[in-house]
Amino acid sequence: MASRLMQWLHGEQGPKFGADPGEFDAAAVDETLRWVGPVFGERSADHRRRGYFDCSYEGFENIPDEPVMVVMNHSGGTTIPDVWGFVAKWYRTFGSSRPIHAMAHDMIFSLDATGAFFAKRGVMHATRAACLRALMGYKRDVLVLPGGDRETWRPWSKRFECDFSGRTGYVRMAMEAGSRIVPVSHAGAHETLMVLSDGHRFARAIGLHRIARAEIFPVHLSLPWGLAVGPWPHFPLPAAMRYRVGEPIETRWDGSGHREDWVHSVDGRVRAEIQKGLDVFAQRAHSPAPHANANANANETRSPSSDAAHEAAGRALAEELVAKR
């Protein structure tokens, strides 16, 4: 069901774009990759940085030939650098002849201009109908981020945690389509800003979930705002963007036991695989990288205590800015 805001903007029929996989335009994707690709440059063989974001990818060979549901944890706020980085690698690997449809929040399609732009690049409404149409009707891959706005705006201190907020609908859609799930762990996009609070309780109290299907109203330190209140897009700071693709997970239920037990079992396996990758990334962030030079080690090495001190400093700065206002 569309949010009240979307009904007000577009009426009962909903937005014009984002429901049909046929809106995908390979030429638009190729054009976008030309300017997005250098921003999300991959490390060279001698570990030299090649782009604004220092991107590294593991396990892309685990993606099978048949259409799959790629499930990834979500980070980086409204600017979604995590999605841009993954999709850039996808098209560098498979080309635009193998589209992947990212399932997105309603707000992407709130304006016709943004809706048309993203629809041409394969982005679709995060709805059951759109997802199944892409998987079953067009035999294409989809990218699903079950954590949604809650996860992409989780506090900075939880950046190495996978949190889908109990959402399991993605498993049911994969089961219905007969598609396997490919889990992807990502870390780095949450280093492009510092989220102090997701503002979930406040958002629920004022009814944002009914107005705009939003579960958050975050407080964050980011560019160009400084201290910001609300899910404003930000200019991301440069960060090491890391991706780890796991092995496909079977979703087809053999009929034994209870169906819901199987749904929760698959969900548990997906989240566990993603968390495994995040744990690896956290360990690397807290330990010197053997290939990096001393300056890089100084930048990348952190301890849990330094994380806490970092966030405490951020909160203190936020309080000081509030006091000045």
C-alpha atoms as a PDB file:
ATOM      1  CA  MET A   1       0.000   0.000   0.000  1.00  0.00           C
ATOM      2  CA  ALA A   2       1.366   3.425  -0.977  1.00  0.00           C
ATOM      3  CA  SER A   3       2.127   5.942   1.761  1.00  0.00           C
ATOM      4  CA  ARG A   4      -0.096   8.975   2.263  1.00  0.00           C
ATOM      5  CA  LEU A   5       2.613  11.186   0.784  1.00  0.00           C
ATOM      6  CA  MET A   6       2.814   9.128  -2.415  1.00  0.00           C
ATOM      7  CA  GLN A   7      -0.979   9.052  -2.732  1.00  0.00           C
ATOM      8  CA  TRP A   8      -1.049  12.826  -2.341  1.00  0.00           C
ATOM      9  CA  LEU A   9       1.682  13.293  -4.976  1.00  0.00           C
ATOM     10  CA  HIS A  10       0.527  10.712  -7.516  1.00  0.00           C
ATOM     11  CA  GLY A  11      -3.019   9.694  -6.626  1.00  0.00           C
ATOM     12  CA  GLU A  12      -4.241   6.142  -6.174  1.00  0.00           C
ATOM     13  CA  GLN A  13      -2.467   4.963  -9.329  1.00  0.00           C
ATOM     14  CA  GLY A  14       0.928   5.678  -7.747  1.00  0.00           C
ATOM     15  CA  PRO A  15       4.152   6.959  -9.374  1.00  0.00           C
ATOM     16  CA  LYS A  16       4.671   6.663 -13.131  1.00  0.00           C
ATOM     17  CA  PHE A  17       8.014   4.898 -12.843  1.00  0.00           C
ATOM     18  CA  GLY A  18       9.643   1.994 -11.060  1.00  0.00           C
ATOM     19  CA  ALA A  19       7.086  -0.799 -11.499  1.00  0.00           C
ATOM     20  CA  ASP A  20       8.154  -2.227 -14.859  1.00  0.00           C
ATOM     21  CA  PRO A  21      11.539  -3.941 -15.467  1.00  0.00           C
ATOM     22  CA  GLY A  22      11.061  -2.995 -19.122  1.00  0.00           C
ATOM     23  CA  GLU A  23      11.986   0.599 -18.230  1.00  0.00           C
ATOM     24  CA  PHE A  24      15.613  -0.534 -17.947  1.00  0.00           C
ATOM     25  CA  ASP A  25      17.870   1.201 -20.470  1.00  0.00           C
ATOM     26  CA  ALA A  26      21.250  -0.459 -21.090  1.00  0.00           C
ATOM     27  CA  ALA A  27      22.623   2.683 -22.762  1.00  0.00           C
ATOM     28  CA  ALA A  28      21.761   4.768 -19.681  1.00  0.00           C
ATOM     29  CA  VAL A  29      23.559   2.242 -17.467  1.00  0.00           C
ATOM     30  CA  ASP A  30      26.661   2.283 -19.674  1.00  0.00           C
ATOM     31  CA  GLU A  31      26.694   6.079 -19.626  1.00  0.00           C
ATOM     32  CA  THR A  32      26.308   6.174 -15.836  1.00  0.00           C
ATOM     33  CA  LEU A  33      29.075   3.635 -15.357  1.00  0.00           C
ATOM     34  CA  ARG A  34      31.468   5.910 -17.226  1.00  0.00           C
ATOM     35  CA  TRP A  35      31.214   8.581 -14.547  1.00  0.00           C
ATOM     36  CA  VAL A  36      30.394   6.425 -11.518  1.00  0.00           C
ATOM     37  CA  GLY A  37      33.033   3.796 -12.259  1.00  0.00           C
ATOM     38  CA  PRO A  38      36.082   5.982 -11.505  1.00  0.00           C
ATOM     39  CA  VAL A  39      34.505   7.132  -8.241  1.00  0.00           C
ATOM     40  CA  PHE A  40      34.266   3.512  -7.078  1.00  0.00           C
ATOM     41  CA  GLY A  41      37.690   2.397  -8.297  1.00  0.00           C
ATOM     42  CA  GLU A  42      38.996  -1.054  -7.417  1.00  0.00           C
ATOM     43  CA  ARG A  43      42.386  -1.532  -5.835  1.00  0.00           C
ATOM     44  CA  SER A  44      45.130  -2.444  -8.277  1.00  0.00           C
ATOM     45  CA  ALA A  45      47.181  -5.639  -8.041  1.00  0.00           C
ATOM     46  CA  ASP A  46      49.840  -3.748  -6.064  1.00  0.00           C
ATOM     47  CA  HIS A  47      47.133  -2.431  -3.693  1.00  0.00           C
ATOM     48  CA  ARG A  48      47.152   1.119  -5.009  1.00  0.00           C
ATOM     49  CA  ARG A  49      43.987   3.144  -4.638  1.00  0.00           C
ATOM     50  CA  ARG A  50      42.248   3.952  -7.928  1.00  0.00           C
ATOM     51  CA  GLY A  51      39.151   5.989  -7.071  1.00  0.00           C
ATOM     52  CA  TYR A  52      37.595   8.425  -4.640  1.00  0.00           C
ATOM     53  CA  PHE A  53      36.397   5.372  -2.728  1.00  0.00           C
ATOM     54  CA  ASP A  54      38.925   2.620  -2.106  1.00  0.00           C
ATOM     55  CA  CYS A  55      36.873  -0.407  -3.214  1.00  0.00           C
ATOM     56  CA  SER A  56      37.674  -4.080  -2.737  1.00  0.00           C
ATOM     57  CA  TYR A  57      35.473  -7.014  -3.739  1.00  0.00           C
ATOM     58  CA  GLU A  58      35.627 -10.677  -2.767  1.00  0.00           C
ATOM     59  CA  GLY A  59      33.615 -13.673  -3.974  1.00  0.00           C
ATOM     60  CA  PHE A  60      31.979 -12.372  -7.161  1.00  0.00           C
ATOM     61  CA  GLU A  61      32.702 -15.786  -8.625  1.00  0.00           C
ATOM     62  CA  ASN A  62      30.009 -17.133  -6.252  1.00  0.00           C
ATOM     63  CA  ILE A  63      27.252 -15.471  -8.305  1.00  0.00           C
ATOM     64  CA  PRO A  64      25.677 -18.218 -10.464  1.00  0.00           C
ATOM     65  CA  ASP A  65      24.514 -17.891 -14.043  1.00  0.00           C
ATOM     66  CA  GLU A  66      20.792 -18.096 -13.250  1.00  0.00           C
ATOM     67  CA  PRO A  67      18.864 -15.065 -11.931  1.00  0.00           C
ATOM     68  CA  VAL A  68      19.267 -14.669  -8.180  1.00  0.00           C
ATOM     69  CA  MET A  69      18.143 -12.448  -5.350  1.00  0.00           C
ATOM     70  CA  VAL A  70      21.180 -10.596  -4.022  1.00  0.00           C
ATOM     71  CA  VAL A  71      20.624  -9.651  -0.375  1.00  0.00           C
ATOM     72  CA  MET A  72      22.939  -7.076   1.215  1.00  0.00           C
ATOM     73  CA  ASN A  73      23.117  -5.178   4.469  1.00  0.00           C
ATOM     74  CA  HIS A  74      22.491  -1.452   4.060  1.00  0.00           C
ATOM     75  CA  SER A  75      24.714   1.471   5.103  1.00  0.00           C
ATOM     76  CA  GLY A  76      25.507   5.078   4.354  1.00  0.00           C
ATOM     77  CA  GLY A  77      22.262   7.020   4.791  1.00  0.00           C
ATOM     78  CA  THR A  78      20.122   8.409   1.985  1.00  0.00           C
ATOM     79  CA  THR A  79      23.076   8.860  -0.395  1.00  0.00           C
ATOM     80  CA  ILE A  80      23.431   5.011  -0.499  1.00  0.00           C
ATOM     81  CA  PRO A  81      27.106   4.791  -1.576  1.00  0.00           C
ATOM     82  CA  ASP A  82      26.976   1.078  -0.687  1.00  0.00           C
ATOM     83  CA  VAL A  83      24.486   0.393  -3.499  1.00  0.00           C
ATOM     84  CA  TRP A  84      26.337   2.522  -6.041  1.00  0.00           C
ATOM     85  CA  GLY A  85      29.575   0.677  -5.282  1.00  0.00           C
ATOM     86  CA  PHE A  86      28.032  -2.778  -5.624  1.00  0.00           C
ATOM     87  CA  VAL A  87      26.136  -1.993  -8.819  1.00  0.00           C
ATOM     88  CA  ALA A  88      29.261  -0.456 -10.386  1.00  0.00           C
ATOM     89  CA  LYS A  89      31.137  -3.713  -9.811  1.00  0.00           C
ATOM     90  CA  TRP A  90      28.182  -5.766 -11.053  1.00  0.00           C
ATOM     91  CA  TYR A  91      28.153  -4.031 -14.438  1.00  0.00           C
ATOM     92  CA  ARG A  92      31.946  -4.046 -14.690  1.00  0.00           C
ATOM     93  CA  THR A  93      31.737  -7.827 -14.210  1.00  0.00           C
ATOM     94  CA  PHE A  94      28.632  -8.797 -16.197  1.00  0.00           C
ATOM     95  CA  GLY A  95      27.986  -5.820 -18.445  1.00  0.00           C
ATOM     96  CA  SER A  96      24.614  -4.142 -19.024  1.00  0.00           C
ATOM     97  CA  SER A  97      23.375  -7.264 -20.820  1.00  0.00           C
ATOM     98  CA  ARG A  98      22.718  -8.726 -17.349  1.00  0.00           C
ATOM     99  CA  PRO A  99      20.587  -6.121 -15.557  1.00  0.00           C
ATOM    100  CA  ILE A 100      20.189  -6.110 -11.802  1.00  0.00           C
ATOM    101  CA  HIS A 101      17.120  -4.403 -10.349  1.00  0.00           C
ATOM    102  CA  ALA A 102      17.690  -2.691  -7.009  1.00  0.00           C
ATOM    103  CA  MET A 103      14.541  -2.530  -4.882  1.00  0.00           C
ATOM    104  CA  ALA A 104      14.194   1.008  -3.494  1.00  0.00           C
ATOM    105  CA  HIS A 105      12.118   3.123  -1.116  1.00  0.00           C
ATOM    106  CA  ASP A 106       9.073   5.039  -2.385  1.00  0.00           C
ATOM    107  CA  MET A 107      10.820   8.391  -2.013  1.00  0.00           C
ATOM    108  CA  ILE A 108      13.114   7.623  -4.969  1.00  0.00           C
ATOM    109  CA  PHE A 109      10.008   7.847  -7.164  1.00  0.00           C
ATOM    110  CA  SER A 110       8.311  10.781  -5.444  1.00  0.00           C
ATOM    111  CA  LEU A 111       9.321  13.091  -8.314  1.00  0.00           C
ATOM    112  CA  ASP A 112       8.920  12.116 -11.958  1.00  0.00           C
ATOM    113  CA  ALA A 113      12.416  13.384 -12.799  1.00  0.00           C
ATOM    114  CA  THR A 114      14.189  11.200 -10.238  1.00  0.00           C
ATOM    115  CA  GLY A 115      11.805   8.332 -10.885  1.00  0.00           C
ATOM    116  CA  ALA A 116      12.578   8.304 -14.613  1.00  0.00           C
ATOM    117  CA  PHE A 117      16.324   8.587 -13.992  1.00  0.00           C
ATOM    118  CA  PHE A 118      16.502   5.626 -11.620  1.00  0.00           C
ATOM    119  CA  ALA A 119      13.969   3.467 -13.487  1.00  0.00           C
ATOM    120  CA  LYS A 120      16.163   3.618 -16.602  1.00  0.00           C
ATOM    121  CA  ARG A 121      18.999   2.307 -14.460  1.00  0.00           C
ATOM    122  CA  GLY A 122      16.975  -0.640 -13.223  1.00  0.00           C
ATOM    123  CA  VAL A 123      15.779   0.676  -9.862  1.00  0.00           C
ATOM    124  CA  MET A 124      12.278  -0.477  -8.894  1.00  0.00           C
ATOM    125  CA  HIS A 125       9.756  -0.087  -6.077  1.00  0.00           C
ATOM    126  CA  ALA A 126      10.525  -2.344  -3.150  1.00  0.00           C
ATOM    127  CA  THR A 127       7.260  -4.249  -3.548  1.00  0.00           C
ATOM    128  CA  ARG A 128       6.436  -7.915  -3.881  1.00  0.00           C
ATOM    129  CA  ALA A 129       4.871  -7.414  -7.315  1.00  0.00           C
ATOM    130  CA  ALA A 130       7.883  -5.569  -8.735  1.00  0.00           C
ATOM    131  CA  CYS A 131      10.378  -8.043  -7.307  1.00  0.00           C
ATOM    132  CA  LEU A 132       8.535 -11.097  -8.634  1.00  0.00           C
ATOM    133  CA  ARG A 133       8.006  -9.496 -12.021  1.00  0.00           C
ATOM    134  CA  ALA A 134      11.754  -8.956 -12.388  1.00  0.00           C
ATOM    135  CA  LEU A 135      12.699 -12.447 -11.134  1.00  0.00           C
ATOM    136  CA  MET A 136       9.973 -14.484 -12.808  1.00  0.00           C
ATOM    137  CA  GLY A 137       8.642 -12.385 -15.667  1.00  0.00           C
ATOM    138  CA  TYR A 138      11.954 -11.033 -16.960  1.00  0.00           C
ATOM    139  CA  LYS A 139      14.323 -13.671 -15.490  1.00  0.00           C
ATOM    140  CA  ARG A 140      16.554 -10.951 -14.089  1.00  0.00           C
ATOM    141  CA  ASP A 141      18.559 -10.511 -10.890  1.00  0.00           C
ATOM    142  CA  VAL A 142      17.336  -8.302  -8.070  1.00  0.00           C
ATOM    143  CA  LEU A 143      19.143  -6.517  -5.249  1.00  0.00           C
ATOM    144  CA  VAL A 144      17.226  -6.416  -1.979  1.00  0.00           C
ATOM    145  CA  LEU A 145      18.212  -4.557   1.202  1.00  0.00           C
ATOM    146  CA  PRO A 146      15.803  -5.864   3.860  1.00  0.00           C
ATOM    147  CA  GLY A 147      17.203  -3.581   6.581  1.00  0.00           C
ATOM    148  CA  GLY A 148      15.844  -0.564   4.706  1.00  0.00           C
ATOM    149  CA  ASP A 149      15.932   2.863   6.319  1.00  0.00           C
ATOM    150  CA  ARG A 150      16.349   1.414   9.814  1.00  0.00           C
ATOM    151  CA  GLU A 151      19.626  -0.236   8.879  1.00  0.00           C
ATOM    152  CA  THR A 152      21.071   2.447   6.623  1.00  0.00           C
ATOM    153  CA  TRP A 153      20.539   4.966   9.446  1.00  0.00           C
ATOM    154  CA  ARG A 154      21.689   2.765  12.335  1.00  0.00           C
ATOM    155  CA  PRO A 155      24.136   4.449  14.763  1.00  0.00           C
ATOM    156  CA  TRP A 156      27.783   4.626  13.740  1.00  0.00           C
ATOM    157  CA  SER A 157      28.788   2.364  16.646  1.00  0.00           C
ATOM    158  CA  LYS A 158      26.714  -0.446  15.056  1.00  0.00           C
ATOM    159  CA  ARG A 159      28.213  -0.126  11.584  1.00  0.00           C
ATOM    160  CA  PHE A 160      29.550  -3.704  11.677  1.00  0.00           C
ATOM    161  CA  GLU A 161      26.162  -5.193  12.631  1.00  0.00           C
ATOM    162  CA  CYS A 162      23.556  -6.690  10.291  1.00  0.00           C
ATOM    163  CA  ASP A 163      20.033  -5.703  11.337  1.00  0.00           C
ATOM    164  CA  PHE A 164      16.988  -6.518   9.212  1.00  0.00           C
ATOM    165  CA  SER A 165      14.583  -5.510  12.037  1.00  0.00           C
ATOM    166  CA  GLY A 166      12.865  -8.896  11.803  1.00  0.00           C
ATOM    167  CA  ARG A 167      11.906  -8.494   8.138  1.00  0.00           C
ATOM    168  CA  THR A 168      11.605 -11.839   6.351  1.00  0.00           C
ATOM    169  CA  GLY A 169       9.412 -10.989   3.354  1.00  0.00           C
ATOM    170  CA  TYR A 170      12.415 -11.195   1.044  1.00  0.00           C
ATOM    171  CA  VAL A 171      12.713 -14.924   1.791  1.00  0.00           C
ATOM    172  CA  ARG A 172       9.069 -15.521   0.885  1.00  0.00           C
ATOM    173  CA  MET A 173       9.550 -13.701  -2.419  1.00  0.00           C
ATOM    174  CA  ALA A 174      12.649 -15.749  -3.243  1.00  0.00           C
ATOM    175  CA  MET A 175      10.744 -18.931  -2.383  1.00  0.00           C
ATOM    176  CA  GLU A 176       7.839 -17.948  -4.609  1.00  0.00           C
ATOM    177  CA  ALA A 177      10.189 -17.188  -7.491  1.00  0.00           C
ATOM    178  CA  GLY A 178      12.230 -20.345  -6.909  1.00  0.00           C
ATOM    179  CA  SER A 179      15.374 -18.216  -6.733  1.00  0.00           C
ATOM    180  CA  ARG A 180      18.458 -18.733  -4.649  1.00  0.00           C
ATOM    181  CA  ILE A 181      19.708 -15.939  -2.384  1.00  0.00           C
ATOM    182  CA  VAL A 182      23.248 -14.627  -2.696  1.00  0.00           C
ATOM    183  CA  PRO A 183      24.272 -12.890   0.565  1.00  0.00           C
ATOM    184  CA  VAL A 184      26.579  -9.864   0.376  1.00  0.00           C
ATOM    185  CA  SER A 185      28.369  -8.206   3.282  1.00  0.00           C
ATOM    186  CA  HIS A 186      29.328  -4.559   2.982  1.00  0.00           C
ATOM    187  CA  ALA A 187      31.312  -2.208   5.201  1.00  0.00           C
ATOM    188  CA  GLY A 188      32.587   1.283   4.560  1.00  0.00           C
ATOM    189  CA  ALA A 189      29.602   3.405   3.551  1.00  0.00           C
ATOM    190  CA  HIS A 190      28.867   4.056   7.227  1.00  0.00           C
ATOM    191  CA  GLU A 191      32.302   5.698   7.482  1.00  0.00           C
ATOM    192  CA  THR A 192      31.169   8.483   5.130  1.00  0.00           C
ATOM    193  CA  LEU A 193      29.166  10.146   7.926  1.00  0.00           C
ATOM    194  CA  MET A 194      28.571   9.662  11.649  1.00  0.00           C
ATOM    195  CA  VAL A 195      25.023   8.672  12.623  1.00  0.00           C
ATOM    196  CA  LEU A 196      24.383   9.524  16.272  1.00  0.00           C
ATOM    197  CA  SER A 197      20.791   8.262  16.465  1.00  0.00           C
ATOM    198  CA  ASP A 198      18.306   6.730  14.034  1.00  0.00           C
ATOM    199  CA  GLY A 199      15.441   8.629  15.670  1.00  0.00           C
ATOM    200  CA  HIS A 200      13.164   5.579  15.353  1.00  0.00           C
ATOM    201  CA  ARG A 201      11.063   6.262  18.434  1.00  0.00           C
ATOM    202  CA  PHE A 202      10.499   9.874  17.389  1.00  0.00           C
ATOM    203  CA  ALA A 203       9.566   8.837  13.838  1.00  0.00           C
ATOM    204  CA  ARG A 204       6.982   6.368  15.142  1.00  0.00           C
ATOM    205  CA  ALA A 205       5.622   8.920  17.605  1.00  0.00           C
ATOM    206  CA  ILE A 206       4.870  11.467  14.860  1.00  0.00           C
ATOM    207  CA  GLY A 207       3.525   8.837  12.454  1.00  0.00           C
ATOM    208  CA  LEU A 208       6.173   8.991   9.720  1.00  0.00           C
ATOM    209  CA  HIS A 209       5.564   5.312   8.957  1.00  0.00           C
ATOM    210  CA  ARG A 210       2.028   6.208   7.859  1.00  0.00           C
ATOM    211  CA  ILE A 211       2.921   9.472   6.115  1.00  0.00           C
ATOM    212  CA  ALA A 212       6.021   8.419   4.189  1.00  0.00           C
ATOM    213  CA  ARG A 213       6.696   4.750   5.067  1.00  0.00           C
ATOM    214  CA  ALA A 214       9.701   5.998   7.067  1.00  0.00           C
ATOM    215  CA  GLU A 215      10.866   4.415  10.298  1.00  0.00           C
ATOM    216  CA  ILE A 216      13.615   6.918  11.096  1.00  0.00           C
ATOM    217  CA  PHE A 217      14.357  10.584  11.725  1.00  0.00           C
ATOM    218  CA  PRO A 218      18.114  10.491  12.307  1.00  0.00           C
ATOM    219  CA  VAL A 219      20.606  12.802  13.922  1.00  0.00           C
ATOM    220  CA  HIS A 220      23.986  12.770  12.197  1.00  0.00           C
ATOM    221  CA  LEU A 221      27.250  14.591  11.591  1.00  0.00           C
ATOM    222  CA  SER A 222      27.837  14.904   7.856  1.00  0.00           C
ATOM    223  CA  LEU A 223      28.879  17.210   5.049  1.00  0.00           C
ATOM    224  CA  PRO A 224      27.787  19.814   4.174  1.00  0.00           C
ATOM    225  CA  TRP A 225      25.387  20.117   7.099  1.00  0.00           C
ATOM    226  CA  GLY A 226      27.610  19.645  10.124  1.00  0.00           C
ATOM    227  CA  LEU A 227      24.947  18.601  12.614  1.00  0.00           C
ATOM    228  CA  ALA A 228      21.853  17.441  10.724  1.00  0.00           C
ATOM    229  CA  VAL A 229      18.450  16.280  11.898  1.00  0.00           C
ATOM    230  CA  GLY A 230      16.482  14.245   9.372  1.00  0.00           C
ATOM    231  CA  PRO A 231      17.402  11.847   6.552  1.00  0.00           C
ATOM    232  CA  TRP A 232      19.131  14.474   4.423  1.00  0.00           C
ATOM    233  CA  PRO A 233      21.478  13.317   1.651  1.00  0.00           C
ATOM    234  CA  HIS A 234      25.102  14.079   2.466  1.00  0.00           C
ATOM    235  CA  PHE A 235      28.378  14.519   0.624  1.00  0.00           C
ATOM    236  CA  PRO A 236      30.210  11.307   1.525  1.00  0.00           C
ATOM    237  CA  LEU A 237      33.706  11.409   2.923  1.00  0.00           C
ATOM    238  CA  PRO A 238      36.209   9.093   1.196  1.00  0.00           C
ATOM    239  CA  ALA A 239      36.204   5.616   2.713  1.00  0.00           C
ATOM    240  CA  ALA A 240      37.343   2.060   2.102  1.00  0.00           C
ATOM    241  CA  MET A 241      34.336   0.274   0.580  1.00  0.00           C
ATOM    242  CA  ARG A 242      34.496  -3.486   1.160  1.00  0.00           C
ATOM    243  CA  TYR A 243      32.225  -6.164  -0.287  1.00  0.00           C
ATOM    244  CA  ARG A 244      32.152  -9.910   0.337  1.00  0.00           C
ATOM    245  CA  VAL A 245      29.857 -12.146  -1.745  1.00  0.00           C
ATOM    246  CA  GLY A 246      28.866 -15.430  -0.104  1.00  0.00           C
ATOM    247  CA  GLU A 247      27.784 -18.697  -1.671  1.00  0.00           C
ATOM    248  CA  PRO A 248      24.164 -19.015  -2.891  1.00  0.00           C
ATOM    249  CA  ILE A 249      21.597 -20.174  -0.343  1.00  0.00           C
ATOM    250  CA  GLU A 250      18.773 -22.483  -1.405  1.00  0.00           C
ATOM    251  CA  THR A 251      15.268 -21.184  -0.659  1.00  0.00           C
ATOM    252  CA  ARG A 252      13.025 -23.921  -2.077  1.00  0.00           C
ATOM    253  CA  TRP A 253      10.956 -25.598   0.600  1.00  0.00           C
ATOM    254  CA  ASP A 254      10.598 -29.371   0.355  1.00  0.00           C
ATOM    255  CA  GLY A 255       7.262 -29.383   2.169  1.00  0.00           C
ATOM    256  CA  SER A 256       8.511 -30.932   5.384  1.00  0.00           C
ATOM    257  CA  GLY A 257       7.811 -29.195   8.674  1.00  0.00           C
ATOM    258  CA  HIS A 258       6.178 -25.786   8.851  1.00  0.00           C
ATOM    259  CA  ARG A 259       6.678 -23.310   6.034  1.00  0.00           C
ATOM    260  CA  GLU A 260       7.281 -20.406   8.420  1.00  0.00           C
ATOM    261  CA  ASP A 261       9.990 -22.394  10.188  1.00  0.00           C
ATOM    262  CA  TRP A 262      11.741 -22.763   6.840  1.00  0.00           C
ATOM    263  CA  VAL A 263      11.377 -19.014   6.152  1.00  0.00           C
ATOM    264  CA  HIS A 264      13.035 -18.159   9.456  1.00  0.00           C
ATOM    265  CA  SER A 265      15.696 -20.791   8.894  1.00  0.00           C
ATOM    266  CA  VAL A 266      16.671 -19.284   5.528  1.00  0.00           C
ATOM    267  CA  ASP A 267      16.578 -15.767   6.976  1.00  0.00           C
ATOM    268  CA  GLY A 268      18.851 -16.879   9.802  1.00  0.00           C
ATOM    269  CA  ARG A 269      21.350 -18.383   7.370  1.00  0.00           C
ATOM    270  CA  VAL A 270      21.379 -15.237   5.222  1.00  0.00           C
ATOM    271  CA  ARG A 271      21.920 -12.926   8.184  1.00  0.00           C
ATOM    272  CA  ALA A 272      24.574 -15.208   9.661  1.00  0.00           C
ATOM    273  CA  GLU A 273      26.517 -15.250   6.383  1.00  0.00           C
ATOM    274  CA  ILE A 274      26.339 -11.462   6.081  1.00  0.00           C
ATOM    275  CA  GLN A 275      27.381 -11.027   9.714  1.00  0.00           C
ATOM    276  CA  LYS A 276      30.315 -13.372   9.142  1.00  0.00           C
ATOM    277  CA  GLY A 277      31.602 -11.029   6.461  1.00  0.00           C
ATOM    278  CA  LEU A 278      31.041  -7.965   8.653  1.00  0.00           C
ATOM    279  CA  ASP A 279      32.999  -9.627  11.464  1.00  0.00           C
ATOM    280  CA  VAL A 280      35.891 -10.159   9.058  1.00  0.00           C
ATOM    281  CA  PHE A 281      35.771  -6.509   8.004  1.00  0.00           C
ATOM    282  CA  ALA A 282      35.645  -5.367  11.635  1.00  0.00           C
ATOM    283  CA  GLN A 283      38.658  -7.496  12.506  1.00  0.00           C
ATOM    284  CA  ARG A 284      40.596  -6.071   9.574  1.00  0.00           C
ATOM    285  CA  ALA A 285      39.650  -2.533  10.563  1.00  0.00           C
ATOM    286  CA  HIS A 286      40.955  -3.169  14.084  1.00  0.00           C
ATOM    287  CA  SER A 287      44.197  -4.802  12.887  1.00  0.00           C
ATOM    288  CA  PRO A 288      47.016  -3.533  10.673  1.00  0.00           C
ATOM    289  CA  ALA A 289      46.707  -4.608   7.025  1.00  0.00           C
ATOM    290  CA  PRO A 290      49.916  -6.436   6.011  1.00  0.00           C
ATOM    291  CA  HIS A 291      49.971  -4.884   2.532  1.00  0.00           C
ATOM    292  CA  ALA A 292      49.422  -1.307   3.681  1.00  0.00           C
ATOM    293  CA  ASN A 293      52.088   1.213   4.537  1.00  0.00           C
ATOM    294  CA  ALA A 294      52.510   2.732   7.973  1.00  0.00           C
ATOM    295  CA  ASN A 295      50.321   5.747   7.190  1.00  0.00           C
ATOM    296  CA  ALA A 296      47.499   3.535   5.893  1.00  0.00           C
ATOM    297  CA  ASN A 297      47.751   1.357   9.000  1.00  0.00           C
ATOM    298  CA  ALA A 298      47.450   4.402  11.198  1.00  0.00           C
ATOM    299  CA  ASN A 299      44.281   5.412   9.354  1.00  0.00           C
ATOM    300  CA  GLU A 300      42.653   1.958   9.230  1.00  0.00           C
ATOM    301  CA  THR A 301      43.550   0.516  12.640  1.00  0.00           C
ATOM    302  CA  ARG A 302      40.970   1.033  15.332  1.00  0.00           C
ATOM    303  CA  SER A 303      40.123  -0.604  18.614  1.00  0.00           C
ATOM    304  CA  PRO A 304      36.676  -0.940  20.200  1.00  0.00           C
ATOM    305  CA  SER A 305      37.706   1.644  22.798  1.00  0.00           C
ATOM    306  CA  SER A 306      38.691   4.119  20.076  1.00  0.00           C
ATOM    307  CA  ASP A 307      35.293   3.548  18.423  1.00  0.00           C
ATOM    308  CA  ALA A 308      33.562   4.505  21.652  1.00  0.00           C
ATOM    309  CA  ALA A 309      35.786   7.561  22.075  1.00  0.00           C
ATOM    310  CA  HIS A 310      35.147   8.564  18.452  1.00  0.00           C
ATOM    311  CA  GLU A 311      31.381   8.422  18.893  1.00  0.00           C
ATOM    312  CA  ALA A 312      31.542  10.180  22.275  1.00  0.00           C
ATOM    313  CA  ALA A 313      33.476  13.008  20.639  1.00  0.00           C
ATOM    314  CA  GLY A 314      30.832  13.202  17.930  1.00  0.00           C
ATOM    315  CA  ARG A 315      28.041  13.426  20.466  1.00  0.00           C
ATOM    316  CA  ALA A 316      29.914  16.138  22.381  1.00  0.00           C
ATOM    317  CA  LEU A 317      30.331  18.145  19.179  1.00  0.00           C
ATOM    318  CA  ALA A 318      26.654  17.732  18.383  1.00  0.00           C
ATOM    319  CA  GLU A 319      25.662  18.967  21.849  1.00  0.00           C
ATOM    320  CA  GLU A 320      27.988  21.960  21.463  1.00  0.00           C
ATOM    321  CA  LEU A 321      26.451  22.848  18.087  1.00  0.00           C
ATOM    322  CA  VAL A 322      22.933  22.534  19.502  1.00  0.00           C
ATOM    323  CA  ALA A 323      23.879  24.807  22.405  1.00  0.00           C
ATOM    324  CA  LYS A 324      25.227  27.435  20.014  1.00  0.00           C
ATOM    325  CA  ARG A 325      21.985  27.353  18.023  1.00  0.00           C
END
